[in-house]
PDB file of all heavy atoms in Angstrom:
ATOM      1  N   ARG A   1      16.402 -11.930  -0.327  1.00  0.00           N
ATOM      2  CA  ARG A   1      15.099 -12.572  -0.113  1.00  0.00           C
ATOM      3  C   ARG A   1      14.018 -11.530   0.180  1.00  0.00           C
ATOM      4  O   ARG A   1      12.891 -11.655  -0.279  1.00  0.00           O
ATOM      5  CB  ARG A   1      15.181 -13.582   1.034  1.00  0.00           C
ATOM      6  CG  ARG A   1      15.870 -14.873   0.653  1.00  0.00           C
ATOM      7  CD  ARG A   1      15.674 -15.950   1.701  1.00  0.00           C
ATOM      8  NE  ARG A   1      16.123 -15.576   3.023  1.00  0.00           N
ATOM      9  CZ  ARG A   1      17.312 -15.886   3.545  1.00  0.00           C
ATOM     10  NH1 ARG A   1      18.161 -16.600   2.853  1.00  0.00           N
ATOM     11  NH2 ARG A   1      17.622 -15.509   4.760  1.00  0.00           N
ATOM     12  N   THR A   2      14.371 -10.495   0.921  1.00  0.00           N
ATOM     13  CA  THR A   2      13.410  -9.436   1.237  1.00  0.00           C
ATOM     14  C   THR A   2      12.989  -8.708  -0.033  1.00  0.00           C
ATOM     15  O   THR A   2      11.789  -8.481  -0.257  1.00  0.00           O
ATOM     16  CB  THR A   2      14.010  -8.439   2.253  1.00  0.00           C
ATOM     17  OG1 THR A   2      14.358  -9.160   3.432  1.00  0.00           O
ATOM     18  CG2 THR A   2      13.039  -7.329   2.588  1.00  0.00           C
ATOM     19  N   ARG A   3      13.957  -8.350  -0.870  1.00  0.00           N
ATOM     20  CA  ARG A   3      13.636  -7.660  -2.133  1.00  0.00           C
ATOM     21  C   ARG A   3      12.757  -8.542  -3.025  1.00  0.00           C
ATOM     22  O   ARG A   3      11.789  -8.071  -3.623  1.00  0.00           O
ATOM     23  CB  ARG A   3      14.913  -7.264  -2.872  1.00  0.00           C
ATOM     24  CG  ARG A   3      15.624  -6.056  -2.280  1.00  0.00           C
ATOM     25  CD  ARG A   3      16.734  -5.547  -3.179  1.00  0.00           C
ATOM     26  NE  ARG A   3      17.769  -6.531  -3.432  1.00  0.00           N
ATOM     27  CZ  ARG A   3      18.841  -6.725  -2.659  1.00  0.00           C
ATOM     28  NH1 ARG A   3      19.016  -5.983  -1.581  1.00  0.00           N
ATOM     29  NH2 ARG A   3      19.741  -7.637  -2.968  1.00  0.00           N
ATOM     30  N   ALA A   4      13.076  -9.834  -3.111  1.00  0.00           N
ATOM     31  CA  ALA A   4      12.291 -10.755  -3.939  1.00  0.00           C
ATOM     32  C   ALA A   4      10.863 -10.886  -3.391  1.00  0.00           C
ATOM     33  O   ALA A   4       9.894 -10.899  -4.158  1.00  0.00           O
ATOM     34  CB  ALA A   4      12.966 -12.124  -3.989  1.00  0.00           C
ATOM     35  N   GLY A   5      10.726 -10.964  -2.079  1.00  0.00           N
ATOM     36  CA  GLY A   5       9.401 -11.065  -1.470  1.00  0.00           C
ATOM     37  C   GLY A   5       8.563  -9.825  -1.710  1.00  0.00           C
ATOM     38  O   GLY A   5       7.370  -9.915  -2.011  1.00  0.00           O
ATOM     39  N   LEU A   6       9.174  -8.646  -1.595  1.00  0.00           N
ATOM     40  CA  LEU A   6       8.453  -7.395  -1.853  1.00  0.00           C
ATOM     41  C   LEU A   6       8.032  -7.298  -3.317  1.00  0.00           C
ATOM     42  O   LEU A   6       6.914  -6.872  -3.624  1.00  0.00           O
ATOM     43  CB  LEU A   6       9.314  -6.192  -1.464  1.00  0.00           C
ATOM     44  CG  LEU A   6       9.537  -5.989   0.030  1.00  0.00           C
ATOM     45  CD1 LEU A   6      10.575  -4.900   0.277  1.00  0.00           C
ATOM     46  CD2 LEU A   6       8.233  -5.660   0.730  1.00  0.00           C
ATOM     47  N   ALA A   7       8.906  -7.709  -4.229  1.00  0.00           N
ATOM     48  CA  ALA A   7       8.580  -7.673  -5.659  1.00  0.00           C
ATOM     49  C   ALA A   7       7.424  -8.628  -5.959  1.00  0.00           C
ATOM     50  O   ALA A   7       6.518  -8.292  -6.730  1.00  0.00           O
ATOM     51  CB  ALA A   7       9.806  -8.030  -6.498  1.00  0.00           C
ATOM     52  N   ALA A   8       7.444  -9.812  -5.362  1.00  0.00           N
ATOM     53  CA  ALA A   8       6.355 -10.782  -5.577  1.00  0.00           C
ATOM     54  C   ALA A   8       5.036 -10.239  -5.035  1.00  0.00           C
ATOM     55  O   ALA A   8       3.986 -10.399  -5.668  1.00  0.00           O
ATOM     56  CB  ALA A   8       6.705 -12.113  -4.912  1.00  0.00           C
ATOM     57  N   ALA A   9       5.063  -9.586  -3.901  1.00  0.00           N
ATOM     58  CA  ALA A   9       3.850  -9.011  -3.320  1.00  0.00           C
ATOM     59  C   ALA A   9       3.321  -7.882  -4.195  1.00  0.00           C
ATOM     60  O   ALA A   9       2.108  -7.791  -4.443  1.00  0.00           O
ATOM     61  CB  ALA A   9       4.123  -8.504  -1.903  1.00  0.00           C
ATOM     62  N   ARG A  10       4.208  -7.033  -4.703  1.00  0.00           N
ATOM     63  CA  ARG A  10       3.782  -5.936  -5.594  1.00  0.00           C
ATOM     64  C   ARG A  10       3.177  -6.487  -6.877  1.00  0.00           C
ATOM     65  O   ARG A  10       2.198  -5.952  -7.401  1.00  0.00           O
ATOM     66  CB  ARG A  10       4.958  -5.013  -5.915  1.00  0.00           C
ATOM     67  CG  ARG A  10       5.210  -3.956  -4.855  1.00  0.00           C
ATOM     68  CD  ARG A  10       6.181  -2.894  -5.335  1.00  0.00           C
ATOM     69  NE  ARG A  10       7.511  -3.395  -5.596  1.00  0.00           N
ATOM     70  CZ  ARG A  10       8.455  -3.566  -4.677  1.00  0.00           C
ATOM     71  NH1 ARG A  10       8.208  -3.272  -3.412  1.00  0.00           N
ATOM     72  NH2 ARG A  10       9.639  -4.033  -4.999  1.00  0.00           N
ATOM     73  N   ALA A  11       3.757  -7.577  -7.400  1.00  0.00           N
ATOM     74  CA  ALA A  11       3.237  -8.194  -8.622  1.00  0.00           C
ATOM     75  C   ALA A  11       1.818  -8.722  -8.409  1.00  0.00           C
ATOM     76  O   ALA A  11       1.044  -8.821  -9.360  1.00  0.00           O
ATOM     77  CB  ALA A  11       4.153  -9.331  -9.068  1.00  0.00           C
ATOM     78  N   ARG A  12       1.460  -9.036  -7.189  1.00  0.00           N
ATOM     79  CA  ARG A  12       0.114  -9.518  -6.866  1.00  0.00           C
ATOM     80  C   ARG A  12      -0.801  -8.369  -6.432  1.00  0.00           C
ATOM     81  O   ARG A  12      -1.896  -8.600  -5.933  1.00  0.00           O
ATOM     82  CB  ARG A  12       0.197 -10.573  -5.764  1.00  0.00           C
ATOM     83  CG  ARG A  12       0.780 -11.878  -6.247  1.00  0.00           C
ATOM     84  CD  ARG A  12       0.961 -12.866  -5.103  1.00  0.00           C
ATOM     85  NE  ARG A  12       1.451 -14.151  -5.559  1.00  0.00           N
ATOM     86  CZ  ARG A  12       2.675 -14.412  -5.955  1.00  0.00           C
ATOM     87  NH1 ARG A  12       3.578 -13.455  -5.969  1.00  0.00           N
ATOM     88  NH2 ARG A  12       3.033 -15.619  -6.346  1.00  0.00           N
ATOM     89  N   GLY A  13      -0.312  -7.144  -6.577  1.00  0.00           N
ATOM     90  CA  GLY A  13      -1.140  -5.984  -6.278  1.00  0.00           C
ATOM     91  C   GLY A  13      -1.113  -5.521  -4.832  1.00  0.00           C
ATOM     92  O   GLY A  13      -1.838  -4.615  -4.459  1.00  0.00           O
ATOM     93  N   ARG A  14      -0.294  -6.128  -4.014  1.00  0.00           N
ATOM     94  CA  ARG A  14      -0.226  -5.696  -2.613  1.00  0.00           C
ATOM     95  C   ARG A  14       0.820  -4.612  -2.464  1.00  0.00           C
ATOM     96  O   ARG A  14       1.882  -4.657  -3.082  1.00  0.00           O
ATOM     97  CB  ARG A  14       0.112  -6.881  -1.707  1.00  0.00           C
ATOM     98  CG  ARG A  14      -1.052  -7.846  -1.588  1.00  0.00           C
ATOM     99  CD  ARG A  14      -0.757  -8.907  -0.586  1.00  0.00           C
ATOM    100  NE  ARG A  14       0.261  -9.787  -1.176  1.00  0.00           N
ATOM    101  CZ  ARG A  14       0.701 -10.889  -0.620  1.00  0.00           C
ATOM    102  NH1 ARG A  14       0.267 -11.248   0.558  1.00  0.00           N
ATOM    103  NH2 ARG A  14       1.597 -11.633  -1.211  1.00  0.00           N
ATOM    104  N   LYS A  15       0.502  -3.659  -1.636  1.00  0.00           N
ATOM    105  CA  LYS A  15       1.441  -2.581  -1.349  1.00  0.00           C
ATOM    106  C   LYS A  15       1.877  -2.708   0.092  1.00  0.00           C
ATOM    107  O   LYS A  15       1.092  -3.089   0.956  1.00  0.00           O
ATOM    108  CB  LYS A  15       0.782  -1.217  -1.557  1.00  0.00           C
ATOM    109  CG  LYS A  15       0.384  -0.968  -2.984  1.00  0.00           C
ATOM    110  CD  LYS A  15      -0.276   0.380  -3.122  1.00  0.00           C
ATOM    111  CE  LYS A  15      -0.763   0.582  -4.537  1.00  0.00           C
ATOM    112  NZ  LYS A  15      -1.534   1.799  -4.670  1.00  0.00           N
ATOM    113  N   GLY A  16       3.104  -2.351   0.345  1.00  0.00           N
ATOM    114  CA  GLY A  16       3.602  -2.391   1.717  1.00  0.00           C
ATOM    115  C   GLY A  16       3.272  -1.113   2.451  1.00  0.00           C
ATOM    116  O   GLY A  16       2.655  -0.198   1.911  1.00  0.00           O
ATOM    117  N   GLY A  17       3.652  -1.072   3.680  1.00  0.00           N
ATOM    118  CA  GLY A  17       3.464   0.131   4.466  1.00  0.00           C
ATOM    119  C   GLY A  17       2.223   0.085   5.335  1.00  0.00           C
ATOM    120  O   GLY A  17       1.419  -0.839   5.275  1.00  0.00           O
ATOM    121  N   ARG A  18       2.096   1.116   6.109  1.00  0.00           N
ATOM    122  CA  ARG A  18       0.975   1.228   7.030  1.00  0.00           C
ATOM    123  C   ARG A  18      -0.303   1.550   6.261  1.00  0.00           C
ATOM    124  O   ARG A  18      -0.298   2.405   5.365  1.00  0.00           O
ATOM    125  CB  ARG A  18       1.294   2.348   8.019  1.00  0.00           C
ATOM    126  CG  ARG A  18       0.258   2.569   9.055  1.00  0.00           C
ATOM    127  CD  ARG A  18       0.725   3.644  10.007  1.00  0.00           C
ATOM    128  NE  ARG A  18      -0.349   4.008  10.907  1.00  0.00           N
ATOM    129  CZ  ARG A  18      -0.266   4.935  11.801  1.00  0.00           C
ATOM    130  NH1 ARG A  18       0.856   5.618  11.932  1.00  0.00           N
ATOM    131  NH2 ARG A  18      -1.265   5.202  12.582  1.00  0.00           N
ATOM    132  N   PRO A  19      -1.418   0.897   6.606  1.00  0.00           N
ATOM    133  CA  PRO A  19      -2.678   1.195   5.910  1.00  0.00           C
ATOM    134  C   PRO A  19      -3.141   2.631   6.208  1.00  0.00           C
ATOM    135  O   PRO A  19      -2.934   3.147   7.295  1.00  0.00           O
ATOM    136  CB  PRO A  19      -3.676   0.193   6.506  1.00  0.00           C
ATOM    137  CG  PRO A  19      -2.888  -0.752   7.324  1.00  0.00           C
ATOM    138  CD  PRO A  19      -1.551  -0.146   7.577  1.00  0.00           C
ATOM    139  N   ARG A  20      -3.778   3.234   5.230  1.00  0.00           N
ATOM    140  CA  ARG A  20      -4.290   4.603   5.403  1.00  0.00           C
ATOM    141  C   ARG A  20      -5.454   4.623   6.386  1.00  0.00           C
ATOM    142  O   ARG A  20      -6.261   3.702   6.411  1.00  0.00           O
ATOM    143  CB  ARG A  20      -4.744   5.163   4.072  1.00  0.00           C
ATOM    144  CG  ARG A  20      -3.602   5.407   3.119  1.00  0.00           C
ATOM    145  CD  ARG A  20      -4.115   6.231   1.945  1.00  0.00           C
ATOM    146  NE  ARG A  20      -3.021   6.686   1.133  1.00  0.00           N
ATOM    147  CZ  ARG A  20      -2.371   7.831   1.332  1.00  0.00           C
ATOM    148  NH1 ARG A  20      -2.716   8.613   2.315  1.00  0.00           N
ATOM    149  NH2 ARG A  20      -1.385   8.177   0.538  1.00  0.00           N
ATOM    150  N   LYS A  21      -5.543   5.698   7.162  1.00  0.00           N
ATOM    151  CA  LYS A  21      -6.657   5.855   8.107  1.00  0.00           C
ATOM    152  C   LYS A  21      -7.926   6.275   7.381  1.00  0.00           C
ATOM    153  O   LYS A  21      -9.021   6.021   7.866  1.00  0.00           O
ATOM    154  CB  LYS A  21      -6.296   6.898   9.165  1.00  0.00           C
ATOM    155  CG  LYS A  21      -5.446   6.344  10.277  1.00  0.00           C
ATOM    156  CD  LYS A  21      -5.609   7.221  11.471  1.00  0.00           C
ATOM    157  CE  LYS A  21      -5.761   6.314  12.657  1.00  0.00           C
ATOM    158  NZ  LYS A  21      -6.103   6.962  13.860  1.00  0.00           N
ATOM    159  N   MET A  22      -7.772   6.962   6.264  1.00  0.00           N
ATOM    160  CA  MET A  22      -8.946   7.413   5.512  1.00  0.00           C
ATOM    161  C   MET A  22      -8.600   7.456   4.029  1.00  0.00           C
ATOM    162  O   MET A  22      -7.442   7.539   3.661  1.00  0.00           O
ATOM    163  CB  MET A  22      -9.409   8.787   5.999  1.00  0.00           C
ATOM    164  CG  MET A  22      -8.395   9.887   5.836  1.00  0.00           C
ATOM    165  SD  MET A  22      -8.961  11.545   6.268  1.00  0.00           S
ATOM    166  CE  MET A  22      -9.932  11.295   7.680  1.00  0.00           C
ATOM    167  N   ASP A  23      -9.640   7.418   3.207  1.00  0.00           N
ATOM    168  CA  ASP A  23      -9.387   7.477   1.767  1.00  0.00           C
ATOM    169  C   ASP A  23      -9.070   8.917   1.357  1.00  0.00           C
ATOM    170  O   ASP A  23      -9.283   9.867   2.115  1.00  0.00           O
ATOM    171  CB  ASP A  23     -10.562   6.896   0.981  1.00  0.00           C
ATOM    172  CG  ASP A  23     -11.867   7.652   1.219  1.00  0.00           C
ATOM    173  OD1 ASP A  23     -11.820   8.868   1.466  1.00  0.00           O
ATOM    174  OD2 ASP A  23     -12.925   6.995   1.161  1.00  0.00           O
ATOM    175  N   ARG A  24      -8.616   9.076   0.119  1.00  0.00           N
ATOM    176  CA  ARG A  24      -8.179  10.399  -0.359  1.00  0.00           C
ATOM    177  C   ARG A  24      -9.332  11.420  -0.403  1.00  0.00           C
ATOM    178  O   ARG A  24      -9.135  12.587  -0.089  1.00  0.00           O
ATOM    179  CB  ARG A  24      -7.532  10.272  -1.729  1.00  0.00           C
ATOM    180  CG  ARG A  24      -6.203   9.560  -1.677  1.00  0.00           C
ATOM    181  CD  ARG A  24      -5.282  10.095  -2.769  1.00  0.00           C
ATOM    182  NE  ARG A  24      -4.032   9.363  -2.776  1.00  0.00           N
ATOM    183  CZ  ARG A  24      -2.971   9.707  -2.061  1.00  0.00           C
ATOM    184  NH1 ARG A  24      -3.026  10.746  -1.273  1.00  0.00           N
ATOM    185  NH2 ARG A  24      -1.865   8.999  -2.121  1.00  0.00           N
ATOM    186  N   ALA A  25     -10.513  10.966  -0.767  1.00  0.00           N
ATOM    187  CA  ALA A  25     -11.658  11.887  -0.860  1.00  0.00           C
ATOM    188  C   ALA A  25     -12.004  12.465   0.508  1.00  0.00           C
ATOM    189  O   ALA A  25     -12.255  13.673   0.646  1.00  0.00           O
ATOM    190  CB  ALA A  25     -12.868  11.158  -1.455  1.00  0.00           C
ATOM    191  N   THR A  26     -12.003  11.627   1.528  1.00  0.00           N
ATOM    192  CA  THR A  26     -12.308  12.093   2.879  1.00  0.00           C
ATOM    193  C   THR A  26     -11.213  13.029   3.379  1.00  0.00           C
ATOM    194  O   THR A  26     -11.494  14.050   4.013  1.00  0.00           O
ATOM    195  CB  THR A  26     -12.480  10.892   3.836  1.00  0.00           C
ATOM    196  OG1 THR A  26     -13.404   9.968   3.270  1.00  0.00           O
ATOM    197  CG2 THR A  26     -12.978  11.334   5.195  1.00  0.00           C
ATOM    198  N   LEU A  27      -9.968  12.696   3.059  1.00  0.00           N
ATOM    199  CA  LEU A  27      -8.855  13.552   3.465  1.00  0.00           C
ATOM    200  C   LEU A  27      -8.970  14.921   2.788  1.00  0.00           C
ATOM    201  O   LEU A  27      -8.774  15.955   3.431  1.00  0.00           O
ATOM    202  CB  LEU A  27      -7.516  12.897   3.127  1.00  0.00           C
ATOM    203  CG  LEU A  27      -6.267  13.704   3.487  1.00  0.00           C
ATOM    204  CD1 LEU A  27      -6.226  14.020   4.978  1.00  0.00           C
ATOM    205  CD2 LEU A  27      -5.011  12.952   3.078  1.00  0.00           C
ATOM    206  N   ARG A  28      -9.341  14.948   1.502  1.00  0.00           N
ATOM    207  CA  ARG A  28      -9.512  16.229   0.794  1.00  0.00           C
ATOM    208  C   ARG A  28     -10.643  17.053   1.427  1.00  0.00           C
ATOM    209  O   ARG A  28     -10.544  18.274   1.546  1.00  0.00           O
ATOM    210  CB  ARG A  28      -9.776  15.978  -0.682  1.00  0.00           C
ATOM    211  CG  ARG A  28      -8.514  15.706  -1.452  1.00  0.00           C
ATOM    212  CD  ARG A  28      -8.748  15.795  -2.964  1.00  0.00           C
ATOM    213  NE  ARG A  28      -7.857  14.835  -3.573  1.00  0.00           N
ATOM    214  CZ  ARG A  28      -8.216  13.672  -4.098  1.00  0.00           C
ATOM    215  NH1 ARG A  28      -9.477  13.317  -4.132  1.00  0.00           N
ATOM    216  NH2 ARG A  28      -7.319  12.860  -4.616  1.00  0.00           N
ATOM    217  N   ALA A  29     -11.692  16.369   1.843  1.00  0.00           N
ATOM    218  CA  ALA A  29     -12.810  17.072   2.495  1.00  0.00           C
ATOM    219  C   ALA A  29     -12.351  17.703   3.809  1.00  0.00           C
ATOM    220  O   ALA A  29     -12.692  18.857   4.116  1.00  0.00           O
ATOM    221  CB  ALA A  29     -13.967  16.106   2.739  1.00  0.00           C
ATOM    222  N   ALA A  30     -11.557  16.980   4.555  1.00  0.00           N
ATOM    223  CA  ALA A  30     -11.044  17.514   5.823  1.00  0.00           C
ATOM    224  C   ALA A  30     -10.110  18.683   5.571  1.00  0.00           C
ATOM    225  O   ALA A  30     -10.157  19.703   6.288  1.00  0.00           O
ATOM    226  CB  ALA A  30     -10.324  16.401   6.587  1.00  0.00           C
TER     227      ALA A  30
END
């Protein structure tokens, strides 16, 4: 059920995991 739920979320464009504190451009600047 966990694998199926993660696959369904990915199919809707959602990614798991902790949200990023900053975007990649800001991180590159730092």
